[in-house]
Amino acid sequence: MTYSDQNTTGGQPGCGAVLRQAREAAGLSIEQVATQLRMTVRAVANLESDDWSSLGAPVFVRGQLRSYARLLDVNLEPLLEQSGQTATVAPSTLVSHSHTPTYRRFAEHWGRRAIYVAITAAIVVPVWLGTRTHLNGGNLALESLDVPVSTTQQAAAPAQGEVRQRIPVVASMATLPAATQPALSLNFTGESWFRAVGPDGHLVEEGVLSAGQQRSYATGEVGQIVLGNVDAVEVKRAGANVDLAPFSRANVARFTLSSDGSLAPVAN
């Protein structure tokens, strides 16, 4: 059964017919609508003919219909409710192809702590050793400046003992490593379909996520991201919010993540 079978209820016009009538009343062509929505002419034609089988997952179709309706100032929610298009889609089971074992995460966590301790020790130990007076032969003898020193004592002083000089010790304060931020993090505030592809083209994750779920990736872990219903996804790169408008088309965002952490739209 195709999507168009679910979009007709009795003799009432479907979503596509309503959109087509509104477009014609507004005096717009399919090409003009496609340009404004940043969609292909074929996709707009399929929406108007209720042929949704080639448009992707239901969550994509809902987003495209709503974007088209907002452009023409048309309310499609009653028709979507009757056709079942607003029904909650059960999240699909996600299959991770890059699962990190628990022991590996544990080792990485304590490995970072060990590096921090080693750097701290490399700074503190030389300072502690350099300031220990007993390593320099004991406390230096102090003489009062009020006692006059005779000429004989001045001549014998160099022969009786070596003049000790205090050598200042300068500690170099190395910059401690800052807490690492993931190269890319996704925070889902609503239902959204997404796909993560590795730099070599292999599938990392794919499925429908609901509000409250999150995903984060390190540099080099993913190469391309596809997000449906972009209004329900917050994207951060190295902890900073990312504006998805340059990467979005018909409520779907597609972008690549380079090895230096920069984002770029997917070329058509």
Protein backbone atom coordinates (compact mmCIF):
# COMPACT_ATOMS: atom_id res chain seq x y z
CA MET A 1 0.00 0.00 0.00
CA THR A 2 1.46 3.38 -1.02
CA TYR A 3 1.21 6.67 0.85
CA SER A 4 -1.47 7.88 -1.57
CA ASP A 5 -3.75 5.08 -0.36
CA GLN A 6 -3.58 6.57 3.14
CA ASN A 7 -4.18 10.15 1.96
CA THR A 8 -7.71 9.82 0.54
CA THR A 9 -10.75 9.56 2.79
CA GLY A 10 -14.00 8.90 0.98
CA GLY A 11 -14.82 11.55 -1.61
CA GLN A 12 -12.93 14.37 0.09
CA PRO A 13 -10.00 15.94 -1.80
CA GLY A 14 -6.57 14.87 -0.65
CA CYS A 15 -3.71 17.04 0.56
CA GLY A 16 -2.25 17.23 -2.95
CA ALA A 17 -5.48 18.46 -4.49
CA VAL A 18 -5.84 21.17 -1.84
CA LEU A 19 -2.26 22.31 -2.41
CA ARG A 20 -2.66 22.33 -6.20
CA GLN A 21 -5.86 24.39 -6.00
CA ALA A 22 -4.21 26.87 -3.62
CA ARG A 23 -1.17 27.17 -5.89
CA GLU A 24 -3.28 27.81 -8.96
CA ALA A 25 -5.36 30.37 -7.06
CA ALA A 26 -2.14 32.14 -6.06
CA GLY A 27 -1.01 32.20 -9.69
CA LEU A 28 2.17 30.21 -9.05
CA SER A 29 3.70 27.55 -11.25
CA ILE A 30 5.20 24.29 -10.03
CA GLU A 31 8.65 25.61 -10.97
CA GLN A 32 8.16 28.76 -8.87
CA VAL A 33 7.01 26.71 -5.87
CA ALA A 34 9.96 24.34 -6.26
CA THR A 35 12.37 27.29 -6.29
CA GLN A 36 10.89 28.88 -3.16
CA LEU A 37 10.78 25.57 -1.24
CA ARG A 38 14.22 24.53 -2.52
CA MET A 39 12.70 21.28 -3.77
CA THR A 40 12.78 19.54 -7.13
CA VAL A 41 9.93 20.06 -9.58
CA ARG A 42 9.28 16.31 -9.50
CA ALA A 43 8.92 16.34 -5.69
CA VAL A 44 6.36 19.19 -5.86
CA ALA A 45 4.43 17.35 -8.57
CA ASN A 46 4.43 14.14 -6.47
CA LEU A 47 3.08 16.06 -3.47
CA GLU A 48 0.23 17.47 -5.55
CA SER A 49 -0.59 14.05 -7.06
CA ASP A 50 -0.46 12.34 -3.61
CA ASP A 51 2.30 10.05 -4.88
CA TRP A 52 4.45 10.02 -1.75
CA SER A 53 6.14 6.64 -2.18
CA SER A 54 9.23 8.21 -3.79
CA LEU A 55 9.61 11.04 -1.26
CA GLY A 56 11.19 9.04 1.57
CA ALA A 57 10.11 8.29 5.14
CA PRO A 58 6.70 9.51 6.43
CA VAL A 59 8.41 12.06 8.66
CA PHE A 60 9.98 13.62 5.53
CA VAL A 61 6.60 13.69 3.75
CA ARG A 62 4.93 15.45 6.69
CA GLY A 63 7.66 18.08 6.76
CA GLN A 64 7.40 18.71 3.01
CA LEU A 65 3.59 18.96 3.11
CA ARG A 66 3.70 21.42 5.99
CA SER A 67 6.38 23.54 4.28
CA TYR A 68 4.23 23.65 1.12
CA ALA A 69 1.12 24.52 3.17
CA ARG A 70 2.93 27.37 5.00
CA LEU A 71 4.04 28.81 1.66
CA LEU A 72 0.43 28.93 0.41
CA ASP A 73 -1.08 29.76 3.84
CA VAL A 74 -3.14 26.56 3.83
CA ASN A 75 -4.10 24.49 6.91
CA LEU A 76 -3.56 20.80 6.11
CA GLU A 77 -3.68 19.51 9.69
CA PRO A 78 -7.29 18.23 9.51
CA LEU A 79 -6.49 16.26 6.33
CA LEU A 80 -3.26 14.92 7.80
CA GLU A 81 -5.11 13.75 10.90
CA GLN A 82 -7.76 11.97 8.79
CA SER A 83 -5.12 10.31 6.63
CA GLY A 84 -3.13 9.16 9.64
CA GLN A 85 -0.04 11.16 8.63
CA THR A 86 0.22 12.77 12.08
CA ALA A 87 0.19 9.45 13.87
CA THR A 88 3.25 8.82 15.96
CA VAL A 89 5.80 6.72 14.17
CA ALA A 90 7.37 4.12 16.45
CA PRO A 91 11.13 4.69 16.62
CA SER A 92 12.98 2.11 14.62
CA THR A 93 15.69 0.03 16.15
CA LEU A 94 19.03 1.71 15.67
CA VAL A 95 21.94 -0.47 14.68
CA SER A 96 25.25 1.06 15.60
CA HIS A 97 28.17 0.11 13.40
CA SER A 98 30.72 1.90 15.55
CA HIS A 99 29.83 0.76 19.07
CA THR A 100 32.50 1.51 21.66
CA PRO A 101 32.89 -1.27 24.27
CA THR A 102 32.54 -0.33 27.93
CA TYR A 103 36.09 -1.36 28.77
CA ARG A 104 37.42 0.92 26.04
CA ARG A 105 35.48 3.95 27.34
CA PHE A 106 36.72 3.13 30.86
CA ALA A 107 40.32 2.89 29.63
CA GLU A 108 40.07 6.19 27.73
CA HIS A 109 38.58 7.93 30.77
CA TRP A 110 41.32 6.83 33.14
CA GLY A 111 43.93 7.35 30.44
CA ARG A 112 43.04 11.05 30.29
CA ARG A 113 43.24 11.26 34.08
CA ALA A 114 46.68 9.62 34.03
CA ILE A 115 47.91 12.19 31.48
CA TYR A 116 46.65 15.02 33.70
CA VAL A 117 48.43 13.55 36.75
CA ALA A 118 51.67 13.07 34.76
CA ILE A 119 51.65 16.69 33.54
CA THR A 120 50.98 17.97 37.06
CA ALA A 121 53.81 15.83 38.46
CA ALA A 122 56.19 17.09 35.74
CA ILE A 123 55.53 20.66 36.94
CA VAL A 124 55.42 20.16 40.71
CA VAL A 125 58.29 17.69 41.26
CA PRO A 126 61.10 19.88 39.80
CA VAL A 127 59.88 22.84 41.85
CA TRP A 128 59.78 20.76 45.03
CA LEU A 129 63.25 19.32 44.45
CA GLY A 130 64.74 22.72 43.58
CA THR A 131 63.46 24.40 46.75
CA ARG A 132 64.58 21.75 49.28
CA THR A 133 67.35 23.40 51.28
CA HIS A 134 68.80 20.15 52.66
CA LEU A 135 69.91 19.12 49.15
CA ASN A 136 72.18 22.18 49.08
CA GLY A 137 74.15 21.09 52.17
CA GLY A 138 71.96 22.48 54.92
CA ASN A 139 70.89 25.91 56.00
CA LEU A 140 73.13 28.81 55.03
CA ALA A 141 75.02 30.46 57.87
CA LEU A 142 73.67 33.90 58.64
CA GLU A 143 75.75 36.71 60.08
CA SER A 144 74.54 39.93 61.58
CA LEU A 145 75.29 43.00 59.54
CA ASP A 146 75.88 44.94 62.75
CA VAL A 147 79.15 43.07 63.56
CA PRO A 148 82.21 44.69 61.95
CA VAL A 149 84.43 42.41 59.90
CA SER A 150 88.20 42.83 60.28
CA THR A 151 90.64 42.94 57.39
CA THR A 152 92.10 39.55 58.43
CA GLN A 153 88.69 37.95 58.48
CA GLN A 154 87.91 39.40 55.05
CA ALA A 155 91.13 37.89 53.62
CA ALA A 156 90.56 34.48 55.25
CA ALA A 157 86.91 34.22 54.43
CA PRO A 158 87.37 32.88 50.89
CA ALA A 159 89.91 30.28 52.14
CA GLN A 160 87.74 28.99 55.00
CA GLY A 161 84.72 28.09 52.98
CA GLU A 162 83.18 28.33 49.61
CA VAL A 163 80.75 31.08 48.90
CA ARG A 164 77.38 29.52 48.35
CA GLN A 165 75.02 31.10 45.89
CA ARG A 166 71.36 30.46 45.74
CA ILE A 167 70.35 29.50 42.25
CA PRO A 168 66.78 30.51 41.48
CA VAL A 169 64.56 27.80 40.12
CA VAL A 170 62.02 28.85 37.50
CA ALA A 171 59.07 26.54 36.96
CA SER A 172 57.52 26.50 33.54
CA MET A 173 53.74 26.38 33.89
CA ALA A 174 52.52 24.34 30.95
CA THR A 175 48.99 24.88 29.77
CA LEU A 176 46.78 22.08 31.00
CA PRO A 177 44.64 20.39 28.35
CA ALA A 178 41.12 21.80 28.24
CA ALA A 179 38.11 19.55 28.47
CA THR A 180 37.50 18.11 25.03
CA GLN A 181 34.25 18.89 23.26
CA PRO A 182 32.71 16.48 20.74
CA ALA A 183 33.19 17.57 17.15
CA LEU A 184 29.43 17.30 16.52
CA SER A 185 26.48 16.83 18.88
CA LEU A 186 22.77 16.40 18.07
CA ASN A 187 20.01 17.16 20.61
CA PHE A 188 16.52 16.05 19.53
CA THR A 189 13.67 18.19 20.91
CA GLY A 190 11.04 16.35 18.86
CA GLU A 191 10.58 13.40 16.53
CA SER A 192 13.11 13.42 13.69
CA TRP A 193 14.58 10.91 11.23
CA PHE A 194 18.34 10.99 10.81
CA ARG A 195 21.20 9.21 9.10
CA ALA A 196 24.92 9.30 9.99
CA VAL A 197 27.46 8.14 7.38
CA GLY A 198 31.17 7.61 8.05
CA PRO A 199 33.96 9.39 6.12
CA ASP A 200 34.49 6.22 4.06
CA GLY A 201 30.80 6.00 3.12
CA HIS A 202 29.74 3.25 5.56
CA LEU A 203 26.46 3.64 7.48
CA VAL A 204 27.04 4.56 11.14
CA GLU A 205 23.45 5.02 12.38
CA GLU A 206 19.97 5.50 10.89
CA GLY A 207 16.48 5.72 12.35
CA VAL A 208 13.80 7.89 13.96
CA LEU A 209 14.68 9.54 17.28
CA SER A 210 12.28 11.19 19.71
CA ALA A 211 12.53 14.19 22.04
CA GLY A 212 15.24 13.98 24.69
CA GLN A 213 17.58 11.69 22.75
CA GLN A 214 21.10 12.81 21.87
CA ARG A 215 23.98 11.77 19.66
CA SER A 216 27.60 13.00 19.65
CA TYR A 217 30.52 12.21 17.36
CA ALA A 218 34.26 12.82 17.49
CA THR A 219 36.31 14.23 14.62
CA GLY A 220 36.69 11.62 11.90
CA GLU A 221 33.84 9.46 13.20
CA VAL A 222 31.19 10.71 10.74
CA GLY A 223 31.45 12.39 7.34
CA GLN A 224 27.83 13.18 6.44
CA ILE A 225 24.60 13.84 8.39
CA VAL A 226 20.98 13.89 7.11
CA LEU A 227 18.25 15.28 9.42
CA GLY A 228 14.49 15.31 8.89
CA ASN A 229 12.21 17.82 10.64
CA VAL A 230 15.15 20.15 11.33
CA ASP A 231 12.99 22.36 13.60
CA ALA A 232 13.17 19.56 16.19
CA VAL A 233 16.98 19.17 16.17
CA GLU A 234 19.65 21.30 17.85
CA VAL A 235 23.12 20.88 16.32
CA LYS A 236 26.34 21.97 18.02
CA ARG A 237 29.85 21.96 16.57
CA ALA A 238 32.60 21.93 19.24
CA GLY A 239 30.01 23.21 21.75
CA ALA A 240 28.75 26.11 19.58
CA ASN A 241 25.23 26.19 18.11
CA VAL A 242 24.97 25.67 14.34
CA ASP A 243 22.44 27.46 12.11
CA LEU A 244 20.95 24.74 9.87
CA ALA A 245 19.35 27.17 7.38
CA PRO A 246 22.27 27.05 4.88
CA PHE A 247 22.09 23.24 4.86
CA SER A 248 18.26 22.82 4.80
CA ARG A 249 15.81 22.21 1.99
CA ALA A 250 12.10 21.38 2.53
CA ASN A 251 12.67 20.88 6.27
CA VAL A 252 15.52 18.41 5.60
CA ALA A 253 19.15 19.26 6.42
CA ARG A 254 22.09 17.59 4.71
CA PHE A 255 25.70 18.53 5.50
CA THR A 256 29.19 17.07 5.66
CA LEU A 257 31.69 17.20 8.53
CA SER A 258 35.31 17.61 7.41
CA SER A 259 38.40 16.44 9.28
CA ASP A 260 39.01 19.96 10.62
CA GLY A 261 35.47 20.11 12.08
CA SER A 262 33.95 22.49 9.50
CA LEU A 263 30.46 21.93 8.06
CA ALA A 264 29.48 22.17 4.41
CA PRO A 265 26.19 21.54 2.55
CA VAL A 266 25.88 18.34 0.52
CA ALA A 267 26.28 19.05 -3.18
CA ASN A 268 23.23 18.08 -5.26
